[in-house]
Amino acid sequence: MTIAVLGATGMVGSRVIAEAVARGHRVLALSRKPGDGDPNVTPVAVDVGDPEAVREALAGAIATGTVARGATAPGTVATGVTAPGTTAPATTPPHPPDAVILSVRTFPADREFLVGATRTVLDAAARLGTRVLVVGGAGALRSPGDPDLPVADNRAYVPDEYRAVALAGTAQLRTCEAHADADWVYLSPPAELEPGERTGRYRRGTDTLLTASDDGRSWISAEDLAVAVVDEVENPGTDRHITVVHRPST
């Protein structure tokens, strides 16, 4: 399977790539300044805010060994550019990915950018018939014990300084719901997400925030969130809005 990851250098995106490669998948890593080094990862320098560049990248118009329009990453070249005195390198035939993962977050919150980027990716993927998994925010979930209270409005989980970020994530979910043609799933992480240990253990839910059974916290490591992301890509469920939480060993 070939998986495209937008936001490839971020906390979640980079771990999703590592998890996907460990399972034998090929990855198209899309980012403004992508890394390099793994033969199973094709770095593509692309600005998710540039609709044309995103469409080209996801359509496979950018073949292995090249990068999108306006690339700035060291060691890469823009589409159609050949250095003087050299011949164009051999490239693989264009082929769209089997799945797209959008893992982009802004802090401070930039709602307009997030909504626009999400719509761009959904538009491009819909034309290709490719499913999109959006790694969104916990703010779009319902509060446990109070389904009428969005997590974005619940100060027990979202401090005031993060409320704008939570509301931007909710707007991102609404953008997905309003898209008539795309095949998508929105994965809300729990309230706390940070780098940690890969245990491979998590509990899955739908549109209500989950808490861990051992300590009552709503949390998961970025490594285990990546496990959940790739699991969903490999074995898609039927729910459009899902969430996960750390599951203790006992």
C-alpha atoms as a PDB file:
ATOM      1  CA  MET A   1       0.000   0.000   0.000  1.00  0.00           C
ATOM      2  CA  THR A   2       1.149   3.540  -0.759  1.00  0.00           C
ATOM      3  CA  ILE A   3       0.155   6.114   1.850  1.00  0.00           C
ATOM      4  CA  ALA A   4       0.457   9.877   1.412  1.00  0.00           C
ATOM      5  CA  VAL A   5       1.079  11.825   4.614  1.00  0.00           C
ATOM      6  CA  LEU A   6       0.585  15.597   4.668  1.00  0.00           C
ATOM      7  CA  GLY A   7       2.285  17.217   7.625  1.00  0.00           C
ATOM      8  CA  ALA A   8       5.022  14.615   7.372  1.00  0.00           C
ATOM      9  CA  THR A   9       7.525  16.332   9.668  1.00  0.00           C
ATOM     10  CA  GLY A  10       5.123  17.050  12.527  1.00  0.00           C
ATOM     11  CA  MET A  11       4.837  15.147  15.799  1.00  0.00           C
ATOM     12  CA  VAL A  12       2.041  12.881  14.535  1.00  0.00           C
ATOM     13  CA  GLY A  13       2.933  12.785  10.842  1.00  0.00           C
ATOM     14  CA  SER A  14       6.521  11.692  11.417  1.00  0.00           C
ATOM     15  CA  ARG A  15       5.396   8.879  13.688  1.00  0.00           C
ATOM     16  CA  VAL A  16       2.706   7.761  11.251  1.00  0.00           C
ATOM     17  CA  ILE A  17       5.406   7.498   8.599  1.00  0.00           C
ATOM     18  CA  ALA A  18       7.640   5.425  10.874  1.00  0.00           C
ATOM     19  CA  GLU A  19       4.740   3.106  11.746  1.00  0.00           C
ATOM     20  CA  ALA A  20       3.657   2.697   8.122  1.00  0.00           C
ATOM     21  CA  VAL A  21       7.198   1.938   6.925  1.00  0.00           C
ATOM     22  CA  ALA A  22       7.689  -0.582   9.751  1.00  0.00           C
ATOM     23  CA  ARG A  23       4.627  -2.427   8.425  1.00  0.00           C
ATOM     24  CA  GLY A  24       6.008  -2.553   4.904  1.00  0.00           C
ATOM     25  CA  HIS A  25       4.072   0.292   3.299  1.00  0.00           C
ATOM     26  CA  ARG A  26       5.503   2.880   0.955  1.00  0.00           C
ATOM     27  CA  VAL A  27       5.008   6.498   1.994  1.00  0.00           C
ATOM     28  CA  LEU A  28       4.710   9.744   0.094  1.00  0.00           C
ATOM     29  CA  ALA A  29       5.857  12.312   2.676  1.00  0.00           C
ATOM     30  CA  LEU A  30       4.441  15.741   1.843  1.00  0.00           C
ATOM     31  CA  SER A  31       5.730  18.723   3.765  1.00  0.00           C
ATOM     32  CA  ARG A  32       7.141  22.183   3.162  1.00  0.00           C
ATOM     33  CA  LYS A  33      10.621  20.911   4.017  1.00  0.00           C
ATOM     34  CA  PRO A  34      10.536  17.102   3.932  1.00  0.00           C
ATOM     35  CA  GLY A  35      13.340  14.926   5.239  1.00  0.00           C
ATOM     36  CA  ASP A  36      15.087  12.178   3.327  1.00  0.00           C
ATOM     37  CA  GLY A  37      16.970   8.956   3.902  1.00  0.00           C
ATOM     38  CA  ASP A  38      14.515   6.032   3.923  1.00  0.00           C
ATOM     39  CA  PRO A  39      14.166   4.204   0.585  1.00  0.00           C
ATOM     40  CA  ASN A  40      10.504   3.472   1.373  1.00  0.00           C
ATOM     41  CA  VAL A  41       9.717   7.160   1.854  1.00  0.00           C
ATOM     42  CA  THR A  42       9.429   9.548  -1.078  1.00  0.00           C
ATOM     43  CA  PRO A  43       9.844  13.131   0.160  1.00  0.00           C
ATOM     44  CA  VAL A  44       7.784  15.749  -1.659  1.00  0.00           C
ATOM     45  CA  ALA A  45       8.169  19.423  -0.817  1.00  0.00           C
ATOM     46  CA  VAL A  46       4.684  20.894  -1.101  1.00  0.00           C
ATOM     47  CA  ASP A  47       2.732  23.629   0.647  1.00  0.00           C
ATOM     48  CA  VAL A  48      -0.615  22.225   1.757  1.00  0.00           C
ATOM     49  CA  GLY A  49      -1.990  25.714   1.270  1.00  0.00           C
ATOM     50  CA  ASP A  50      -1.296  25.491  -2.478  1.00  0.00           C
ATOM     51  CA  PRO A  51      -4.265  23.621  -4.031  1.00  0.00           C
ATOM     52  CA  GLU A  52      -2.603  23.023  -7.399  1.00  0.00           C
ATOM     53  CA  ALA A  53       0.562  21.605  -5.839  1.00  0.00           C
ATOM     54  CA  VAL A  54      -1.457  19.312  -3.574  1.00  0.00           C
ATOM     55  CA  ARG A  55      -3.535  18.055  -6.493  1.00  0.00           C
ATOM     56  CA  GLU A  56      -0.402  17.338  -8.531  1.00  0.00           C
ATOM     57  CA  ALA A  57       1.283  15.496  -5.685  1.00  0.00           C
ATOM     58  CA  LEU A  58      -1.695  13.309  -4.815  1.00  0.00           C
ATOM     59  CA  ALA A  59      -2.454  12.550  -8.441  1.00  0.00           C
ATOM     60  CA  GLY A  60       1.034  11.107  -8.847  1.00  0.00           C
ATOM     61  CA  ALA A  61       2.018  13.827 -11.301  1.00  0.00           C
ATOM     62  CA  ILE A  62       5.156  14.248  -9.210  1.00  0.00           C
ATOM     63  CA  ALA A  63       7.152  11.077  -9.717  1.00  0.00           C
ATOM     64  CA  THR A  64       9.751   9.572  -7.416  1.00  0.00           C
ATOM     65  CA  GLY A  65      12.883  11.689  -7.218  1.00  0.00           C
ATOM     66  CA  THR A  66      11.140  15.028  -7.736  1.00  0.00           C
ATOM     67  CA  VAL A  67       9.265  17.515  -5.627  1.00  0.00           C
ATOM     68  CA  ALA A  68       6.334  19.833  -6.042  1.00  0.00           C
ATOM     69  CA  ARG A  69       6.258  23.329  -7.471  1.00  0.00           C
ATOM     70  CA  GLY A  70       8.213  25.830  -5.428  1.00  0.00           C
ATOM     71  CA  ALA A  71      10.287  23.198  -3.633  1.00  0.00           C
ATOM     72  CA  THR A  72      12.940  24.397  -1.235  1.00  0.00           C
ATOM     73  CA  ALA A  73      14.154  21.188   0.366  1.00  0.00           C
ATOM     74  CA  PRO A  74      17.906  20.552   0.008  1.00  0.00           C
ATOM     75  CA  GLY A  75      18.774  17.815  -2.446  1.00  0.00           C
ATOM     76  CA  THR A  76      15.459  17.985  -4.299  1.00  0.00           C
ATOM     77  CA  VAL A  77      14.354  19.604  -7.553  1.00  0.00           C
ATOM     78  CA  ALA A  78      11.137  21.061  -8.847  1.00  0.00           C
ATOM     79  CA  THR A  79       8.921  19.212 -11.284  1.00  0.00           C
ATOM     80  CA  GLY A  80      10.204  19.400 -14.840  1.00  0.00           C
ATOM     81  CA  VAL A  81      13.552  20.935 -13.865  1.00  0.00           C
ATOM     82  CA  THR A  82      16.802  19.347 -15.065  1.00  0.00           C
ATOM     83  CA  ALA A  83      20.155  20.706 -13.981  1.00  0.00           C
ATOM     84  CA  PRO A  84      22.334  22.127 -16.791  1.00  0.00           C
ATOM     85  CA  GLY A  85      24.603  19.531 -18.373  1.00  0.00           C
ATOM     86  CA  THR A  86      22.610  16.585 -16.990  1.00  0.00           C
ATOM     87  CA  THR A  87      19.884  14.319 -18.268  1.00  0.00           C
ATOM     88  CA  ALA A  88      16.549  13.894 -16.582  1.00  0.00           C
ATOM     89  CA  PRO A  89      16.614  11.077 -14.006  1.00  0.00           C
ATOM     90  CA  ALA A  90      14.512   7.988 -14.452  1.00  0.00           C
ATOM     91  CA  THR A  91      11.236   8.235 -12.566  1.00  0.00           C
ATOM     92  CA  THR A  92       8.476   5.857 -11.590  1.00  0.00           C
ATOM     93  CA  PRO A  93       5.147   6.114 -13.439  1.00  0.00           C
ATOM     94  CA  PRO A  94       2.651   8.448 -11.796  1.00  0.00           C
ATOM     95  CA  HIS A  95       0.338   6.599  -9.412  1.00  0.00           C
ATOM     96  CA  PRO A  96      -2.019   8.071  -6.822  1.00  0.00           C
ATOM     97  CA  PRO A  97      -1.722   6.826  -3.230  1.00  0.00           C
ATOM     98  CA  ASP A  98      -4.055   4.202  -1.800  1.00  0.00           C
ATOM     99  CA  ALA A  99      -4.811   6.413   1.210  1.00  0.00           C
ATOM    100  CA  VAL A 100      -4.173   9.986   2.319  1.00  0.00           C
ATOM    101  CA  ILE A 101      -3.484  11.079   5.888  1.00  0.00           C
ATOM    102  CA  LEU A 102      -3.842  14.766   6.728  1.00  0.00           C
ATOM    103  CA  SER A 103      -2.002  15.615   9.941  1.00  0.00           C
ATOM    104  CA  VAL A 104      -1.657  19.379  10.052  1.00  0.00           C
ATOM    105  CA  ARG A 105      -2.068  21.539  13.137  1.00  0.00           C
ATOM    106  CA  THR A 106      -1.368  25.215  13.789  1.00  0.00           C
ATOM    107  CA  PHE A 107      -0.565  27.000  17.035  1.00  0.00           C
ATOM    108  CA  PRO A 108      -1.566  29.729  17.451  1.00  0.00           C
ATOM    109  CA  ALA A 109      -4.786  28.627  15.778  1.00  0.00           C
ATOM    110  CA  ASP A 110      -5.221  29.457  12.094  1.00  0.00           C
ATOM    111  CA  ARG A 111      -8.762  28.346  11.390  1.00  0.00           C
ATOM    112  CA  GLU A 112      -8.863  29.706   7.848  1.00  0.00           C
ATOM    113  CA  PHE A 113      -5.677  27.852   6.873  1.00  0.00           C
ATOM    114  CA  LEU A 114      -6.791  24.593   8.486  1.00  0.00           C
ATOM    115  CA  VAL A 115     -10.218  24.626   6.868  1.00  0.00           C
ATOM    116  CA  GLY A 116      -8.777  25.600   3.483  1.00  0.00           C
ATOM    117  CA  ALA A 117      -6.091  22.914   3.582  1.00  0.00           C
ATOM    118  CA  THR A 118      -8.644  20.284   4.574  1.00  0.00           C
ATOM    119  CA  ARG A 119     -10.988  21.261   1.771  1.00  0.00           C
ATOM    120  CA  THR A 120      -8.111  21.185  -0.718  1.00  0.00           C
ATOM    121  CA  VAL A 121      -7.087  17.663   0.306  1.00  0.00           C
ATOM    122  CA  LEU A 122     -10.684  16.400   0.279  1.00  0.00           C
ATOM    123  CA  ASP A 123     -11.247  17.878  -3.187  1.00  0.00           C
ATOM    124  CA  ALA A 124      -8.098  16.269  -4.585  1.00  0.00           C
ATOM    125  CA  ALA A 125      -8.737  12.892  -2.974  1.00  0.00           C
ATOM    126  CA  ALA A 126     -12.357  12.830  -4.128  1.00  0.00           C
ATOM    127  CA  ARG A 127     -11.250  13.177  -7.740  1.00  0.00           C
ATOM    128  CA  LEU A 128      -8.933  10.204  -7.274  1.00  0.00           C
ATOM    129  CA  GLY A 129     -11.395   8.080  -5.323  1.00  0.00           C
ATOM    130  CA  THR A 130      -8.897   7.915  -2.443  1.00  0.00           C
ATOM    131  CA  ARG A 131      -9.934   7.776   1.209  1.00  0.00           C
ATOM    132  CA  VAL A 132      -8.701  10.518   3.547  1.00  0.00           C
ATOM    133  CA  LEU A 133      -7.967  10.071   7.229  1.00  0.00           C
ATOM    134  CA  VAL A 134      -7.900  13.450   8.970  1.00  0.00           C
ATOM    135  CA  VAL A 135      -6.045  13.570  12.274  1.00  0.00           C
ATOM    136  CA  GLY A 136      -8.037  16.340  13.876  1.00  0.00           C
ATOM    137  CA  GLY A 137      -8.591  17.656  17.378  1.00  0.00           C
ATOM    138  CA  ALA A 138     -10.269  16.528  20.583  1.00  0.00           C
ATOM    139  CA  GLY A 139     -12.397  19.675  20.680  1.00  0.00           C
ATOM    140  CA  ALA A 140     -14.789  18.194  18.120  1.00  0.00           C
ATOM    141  CA  LEU A 141     -15.777  15.380  20.523  1.00  0.00           C
ATOM    142  CA  ARG A 142     -18.654  15.243  23.002  1.00  0.00           C
ATOM    143  CA  SER A 143     -17.842  15.464  26.704  1.00  0.00           C
ATOM    144  CA  PRO A 144     -18.084  12.214  28.662  1.00  0.00           C
ATOM    145  CA  GLY A 145     -21.187  12.296  30.840  1.00  0.00           C
ATOM    146  CA  ASP A 146     -22.532  15.385  29.073  1.00  0.00           C
ATOM    147  CA  PRO A 147     -23.063  14.682  25.352  1.00  0.00           C
ATOM    148  CA  ASP A 148     -24.474  18.156  24.730  1.00  0.00           C
ATOM    149  CA  LEU A 149     -21.229  19.823  25.861  1.00  0.00           C
ATOM    150  CA  PRO A 150     -18.519  19.905  23.169  1.00  0.00           C
ATOM    151  CA  VAL A 151     -15.048  19.246  24.504  1.00  0.00           C
ATOM    152  CA  ALA A 152     -13.969  22.555  22.940  1.00  0.00           C
ATOM    153  CA  ASP A 153     -16.233  24.290  25.491  1.00  0.00           C
ATOM    154  CA  ASN A 154     -15.249  22.094  28.430  1.00  0.00           C
ATOM    155  CA  ARG A 155     -12.558  23.736  30.545  1.00  0.00           C
ATOM    156  CA  ALA A 156     -11.882  20.453  32.316  1.00  0.00           C
ATOM    157  CA  TYR A 157     -10.178  19.315  29.117  1.00  0.00           C
ATOM    158  CA  VAL A 158      -9.441  22.471  27.119  1.00  0.00           C
ATOM    159  CA  PRO A 159      -7.757  25.412  28.898  1.00  0.00           C
ATOM    160  CA  ASP A 160      -8.649  28.878  27.664  1.00  0.00           C
ATOM    161  CA  GLU A 161      -5.349  29.293  25.811  1.00  0.00           C
ATOM    162  CA  TYR A 162      -6.127  26.250  23.645  1.00  0.00           C
ATOM    163  CA  ARG A 163      -9.798  26.948  22.988  1.00  0.00           C
ATOM    164  CA  ALA A 164      -9.163  28.630  19.634  1.00  0.00           C
ATOM    165  CA  VAL A 165      -7.202  25.567  18.519  1.00  0.00           C
ATOM    166  CA  ALA A 166     -10.039  23.305  19.654  1.00  0.00           C
ATOM    167  CA  LEU A 167     -12.620  25.380  17.796  1.00  0.00           C
ATOM    168  CA  ALA A 168     -10.491  25.290  14.644  1.00  0.00           C
ATOM    169  CA  GLY A 169     -10.512  21.489  14.872  1.00  0.00           C
ATOM    170  CA  THR A 170     -14.300  21.535  15.163  1.00  0.00           C
ATOM    171  CA  ALA A 171     -14.488  23.712  12.043  1.00  0.00           C
ATOM    172  CA  GLN A 172     -12.237  21.181  10.317  1.00  0.00           C
ATOM    173  CA  LEU A 173     -14.690  18.379  11.137  1.00  0.00           C
ATOM    174  CA  ARG A 174     -17.591  20.467   9.826  1.00  0.00           C
ATOM    175  CA  THR A 175     -15.635  20.960   6.596  1.00  0.00           C
ATOM    176  CA  CYS A 176     -15.381  17.195   6.221  1.00  0.00           C
ATOM    177  CA  GLU A 177     -19.082  16.726   6.963  1.00  0.00           C
ATOM    178  CA  ALA A 178     -20.022  19.345   4.366  1.00  0.00           C
ATOM    179  CA  HIS A 179     -17.998  17.686   1.594  1.00  0.00           C
ATOM    180  CA  ALA A 180     -20.441  15.754  -0.551  1.00  0.00           C
ATOM    181  CA  ASP A 181     -17.983  13.692  -2.589  1.00  0.00           C
ATOM    182  CA  ALA A 182     -14.992  12.748  -0.435  1.00  0.00           C
ATOM    183  CA  ASP A 183     -14.527   9.468   1.425  1.00  0.00           C
ATOM    184  CA  TRP A 184     -13.130  10.538   4.797  1.00  0.00           C
ATOM    185  CA  VAL A 185     -12.744   9.615   8.450  1.00  0.00           C
ATOM    186  CA  TYR A 186     -11.941  12.131  11.185  1.00  0.00           C
ATOM    187  CA  LEU A 187      -9.804  10.836  14.048  1.00  0.00           C
ATOM    188  CA  SER A 188      -9.911  12.936  17.200  1.00  0.00           C
ATOM    189  CA  PRO A 189      -7.044  12.256  19.595  1.00  0.00           C
ATOM    190  CA  PRO A 190      -7.766  12.372  23.332  1.00  0.00           C
ATOM    191  CA  ALA A 191      -7.299  15.552  25.337  1.00  0.00           C
ATOM    192  CA  GLU A 192      -3.595  14.904  25.962  1.00  0.00           C
ATOM    193  CA  LEU A 193      -1.227  13.906  23.164  1.00  0.00           C
ATOM    194  CA  GLU A 194       2.534  13.851  23.557  1.00  0.00           C
ATOM    195  CA  PRO A 195       5.603  11.878  22.476  1.00  0.00           C
ATOM    196  CA  GLY A 196       6.138   8.703  24.457  1.00  0.00           C
ATOM    197  CA  GLU A 197       6.283   4.937  24.249  1.00  0.00           C
ATOM    198  CA  ARG A 198       4.856   2.747  21.512  1.00  0.00           C
ATOM    199  CA  THR A 199       2.853   0.083  23.354  1.00  0.00           C
ATOM    200  CA  GLY A 200       0.482  -0.829  20.523  1.00  0.00           C
ATOM    201  CA  ARG A 201      -2.402  -0.666  23.014  1.00  0.00           C
ATOM    202  CA  TYR A 202      -5.342   1.673  22.685  1.00  0.00           C
ATOM    203  CA  ARG A 203      -9.112   1.704  23.021  1.00  0.00           C
ATOM    204  CA  ARG A 204     -11.285   2.948  20.166  1.00  0.00           C
ATOM    205  CA  GLY A 205     -14.499   4.940  20.369  1.00  0.00           C
ATOM    206  CA  THR A 206     -16.633   7.205  18.215  1.00  0.00           C
ATOM    207  CA  ASP A 207     -17.637  10.813  18.904  1.00  0.00           C
ATOM    208  CA  THR A 208     -17.273  10.986  22.703  1.00  0.00           C
ATOM    209  CA  LEU A 209     -14.019  11.709  24.533  1.00  0.00           C
ATOM    210  CA  LEU A 210     -12.540   8.601  26.169  1.00  0.00           C
ATOM    211  CA  THR A 211     -10.569   8.320  29.399  1.00  0.00           C
ATOM    212  CA  ALA A 212      -8.094   5.626  30.401  1.00  0.00           C
ATOM    213  CA  SER A 213      -9.408   2.939  32.734  1.00  0.00           C
ATOM    214  CA  ASP A 214      -6.427   3.060  35.104  1.00  0.00           C
ATOM    215  CA  ASP A 215      -5.979   6.744  35.903  1.00  0.00           C
ATOM    216  CA  GLY A 216      -8.992   8.465  34.331  1.00  0.00           C
ATOM    217  CA  ARG A 217      -6.818  10.601  32.072  1.00  0.00           C
ATOM    218  CA  SER A 218      -7.740  11.260  28.467  1.00  0.00           C
ATOM    219  CA  TRP A 219      -4.369  10.672  26.837  1.00  0.00           C
ATOM    220  CA  ILE A 220      -2.294   8.679  24.387  1.00  0.00           C
ATOM    221  CA  SER A 221       1.284   8.774  23.162  1.00  0.00           C
ATOM    222  CA  ALA A 222       1.904  10.076  19.655  1.00  0.00           C
ATOM    223  CA  GLU A 223       3.452   6.687  18.880  1.00  0.00           C
ATOM    224  CA  ASP A 224       0.270   4.798  19.805  1.00  0.00           C
ATOM    225  CA  LEU A 225      -1.880   7.325  17.967  1.00  0.00           C
ATOM    226  CA  ALA A 226       0.191   6.481  14.889  1.00  0.00           C
ATOM    227  CA  VAL A 227      -0.581   2.796  15.482  1.00  0.00           C
ATOM    228  CA  ALA A 228      -4.304   3.627  15.513  1.00  0.00           C
ATOM    229  CA  VAL A 229      -3.977   5.725  12.353  1.00  0.00           C
ATOM    230  CA  VAL A 230      -2.292   2.978  10.343  1.00  0.00           C
ATOM    231  CA  ASP A 231      -4.696   0.360  11.741  1.00  0.00           C
ATOM    232  CA  GLU A 232      -7.604   2.442  10.434  1.00  0.00           C
ATOM    233  CA  VAL A 233      -5.956   2.823   7.034  1.00  0.00           C
ATOM    234  CA  GLU A 234      -5.319  -0.912   6.763  1.00  0.00           C
ATOM    235  CA  ASN A 235      -8.761  -1.933   8.052  1.00  0.00           C
ATOM    236  CA  PRO A 236     -11.221   0.932   7.541  1.00  0.00           C
ATOM    237  CA  GLY A 237     -14.256   1.033   9.776  1.00  0.00           C
ATOM    238  CA  THR A 238     -17.685   2.443   9.007  1.00  0.00           C
ATOM    239  CA  ASP A 239     -17.700   5.335  11.493  1.00  0.00           C
ATOM    240  CA  ARG A 240     -16.879   8.780  10.131  1.00  0.00           C
ATOM    241  CA  HIS A 241     -15.778  10.239  13.483  1.00  0.00           C
ATOM    242  CA  ILE A 242     -13.593   8.134  15.765  1.00  0.00           C
ATOM    243  CA  THR A 243     -11.326   8.617  18.747  1.00  0.00           C
ATOM    244  CA  VAL A 244      -8.822   6.584  20.738  1.00  0.00           C
ATOM    245  CA  VAL A 245      -7.282   6.555  24.192  1.00  0.00           C
ATOM    246  CA  HIS A 246      -4.407   4.754  25.895  1.00  0.00           C
ATOM    247  CA  ARG A 247      -5.259   1.250  27.097  1.00  0.00           C
ATOM    248  CA  PRO A 248      -3.249  -0.015  30.070  1.00  0.00           C
ATOM    249  CA  SER A 249      -1.704  -3.479  29.996  1.00  0.00           C
ATOM    250  CA  THR A 250      -3.923  -4.795  32.793  1.00  0.00           C
END
